[in-house]
Amino acid sequence: MGAIAGLVLTIAIFLFIFWPERNPFFQADKTRVDYLRERKDAIYDNLRDLNFEYLAGKYPEQDYTEQRTGLEDEAARVIAEIDRLNARGDLGRRSRA
């Protein structure tokens, strides 16, 4: 009886550890909108860091302005594409990006 309980427990542990959603080598498919939302979050983080470093005196005014403008332009493009995909209803389209 103890051997059966041990076997069941061992199987349960292996299922828990290697279940596909918990497996770090299993990559779920992402939609293009999911990818773009992650990119938008990364851009906002970069803008926040850039602003902090500028206020700390690490960047001259011209460099700060150029980098901020570039990040804001990229954020605008990403948000425009998210809006375009949402308007078209392409939320379910899979992407390998």
Protein backbone atom coordinates (compact mmCIF):
# COMPACT_ATOMS: atom_id res chain seq x y z
CA MET A 1 0.00 0.00 0.00
CA GLY A 2 2.85 2.38 0.81
CA ALA A 3 4.52 1.60 -2.53
CA ILE A 4 1.36 2.52 -4.42
CA ALA A 5 1.02 5.79 -2.49
CA GLY A 6 4.68 6.57 -3.20
CA LEU A 7 4.21 5.83 -6.90
CA VAL A 8 1.12 8.04 -7.10
CA LEU A 9 2.94 10.83 -5.26
CA THR A 10 5.94 10.54 -7.60
CA ILE A 11 3.72 10.72 -10.68
CA ALA A 12 1.88 13.73 -9.25
CA ILE A 13 5.17 15.51 -8.56
CA PHE A 14 6.43 14.88 -12.11
CA LEU A 15 3.14 16.11 -13.59
CA PHE A 16 3.30 19.25 -11.45
CA ILE A 17 6.89 20.01 -12.40
CA PHE A 18 6.70 19.20 -16.11
CA TRP A 19 3.17 20.38 -16.94
CA PRO A 20 3.42 22.39 -20.21
CA GLU A 21 2.24 25.76 -18.82
CA ARG A 22 4.82 25.60 -16.05
CA ASN A 23 7.60 24.39 -18.31
CA PRO A 24 10.09 27.21 -18.91
CA PHE A 25 10.94 25.76 -22.33
CA PHE A 26 7.32 25.94 -23.48
CA GLN A 27 6.56 29.23 -25.21
CA ALA A 28 2.97 30.23 -25.64
CA ASP A 29 1.97 31.85 -28.92
CA LYS A 30 1.59 35.60 -28.71
CA THR A 31 -0.56 37.79 -30.84
CA ARG A 32 0.93 40.80 -32.56
CA VAL A 33 -0.99 43.02 -30.13
CA ASP A 34 0.56 41.19 -27.15
CA TYR A 35 4.02 41.79 -28.59
CA LEU A 36 3.24 45.46 -29.23
CA ARG A 37 1.91 45.97 -25.69
CA GLU A 38 5.12 44.52 -24.27
CA ARG A 39 7.14 46.81 -26.54
CA LYS A 40 5.07 49.83 -25.45
CA ASP A 41 5.74 48.99 -21.79
CA ALA A 42 9.47 48.71 -22.50
CA ILE A 43 9.48 52.08 -24.26
CA TYR A 44 7.68 53.71 -21.32
CA ASP A 45 10.22 52.20 -18.94
CA ASN A 46 13.02 53.59 -21.09
CA LEU A 47 11.40 57.03 -21.09
CA ARG A 48 11.07 56.94 -17.32
CA ASP A 49 14.72 55.91 -16.92
CA LEU A 50 15.87 58.56 -19.39
CA ASN A 51 13.97 61.27 -17.50
CA PHE A 52 15.43 60.14 -14.18
CA GLU A 53 18.98 60.10 -15.54
CA TYR A 54 18.52 63.53 -17.14
CA LEU A 55 17.30 64.97 -13.85
CA ALA A 56 20.32 63.37 -12.15
CA GLY A 57 22.57 65.30 -14.53
CA LYS A 58 23.85 62.38 -16.60
CA TYR A 59 22.67 63.73 -19.96
CA PRO A 60 23.16 67.11 -21.61
CA GLU A 61 19.99 68.86 -22.81
CA GLN A 62 20.55 68.09 -26.51
CA ASP A 63 21.13 64.34 -26.01
CA TYR A 64 18.14 64.09 -23.70
CA THR A 65 15.90 65.85 -26.20
CA GLU A 66 17.04 63.66 -29.11
CA GLN A 67 16.62 60.42 -27.19
CA ARG A 68 13.26 61.45 -25.75
CA THR A 69 11.98 62.44 -29.20
CA GLY A 70 13.09 59.10 -30.65
CA LEU A 71 11.41 57.11 -27.88
CA GLU A 72 8.21 59.16 -28.11
CA ASP A 73 8.09 58.65 -31.89
CA GLU A 74 8.55 54.91 -31.46
CA ALA A 75 5.84 54.81 -28.78
CA ALA A 76 3.48 56.70 -31.11
CA ARG A 77 4.11 54.19 -33.92
CA VAL A 78 3.52 51.23 -31.59
CA ILE A 79 0.31 52.71 -30.16
CA ALA A 80 -0.95 53.55 -33.67
CA GLU A 81 -0.37 49.96 -34.77
CA ILE A 82 -2.14 48.61 -31.66
CA ASP A 83 -5.11 50.88 -32.41
CA ARG A 84 -5.12 49.83 -36.07
CA LEU A 85 -5.09 46.13 -35.17
CA ASN A 86 -7.81 46.59 -32.55
CA ALA A 87 -9.98 48.47 -35.05
CA ARG A 88 -9.56 45.73 -37.66
CA GLY A 89 -10.23 43.00 -35.12
CA ASP A 90 -6.89 41.23 -35.67
CA LEU A 91 -6.47 40.39 -31.99
CA GLY A 92 -6.23 36.68 -32.64
CA ARG A 93 -3.55 36.85 -35.32
CA ARG A 94 -0.46 34.97 -34.19
CA SER A 95 3.00 36.39 -34.54
CA ARG A 96 6.45 34.85 -34.28
CA ALA A 97 8.03 38.21 -33.42
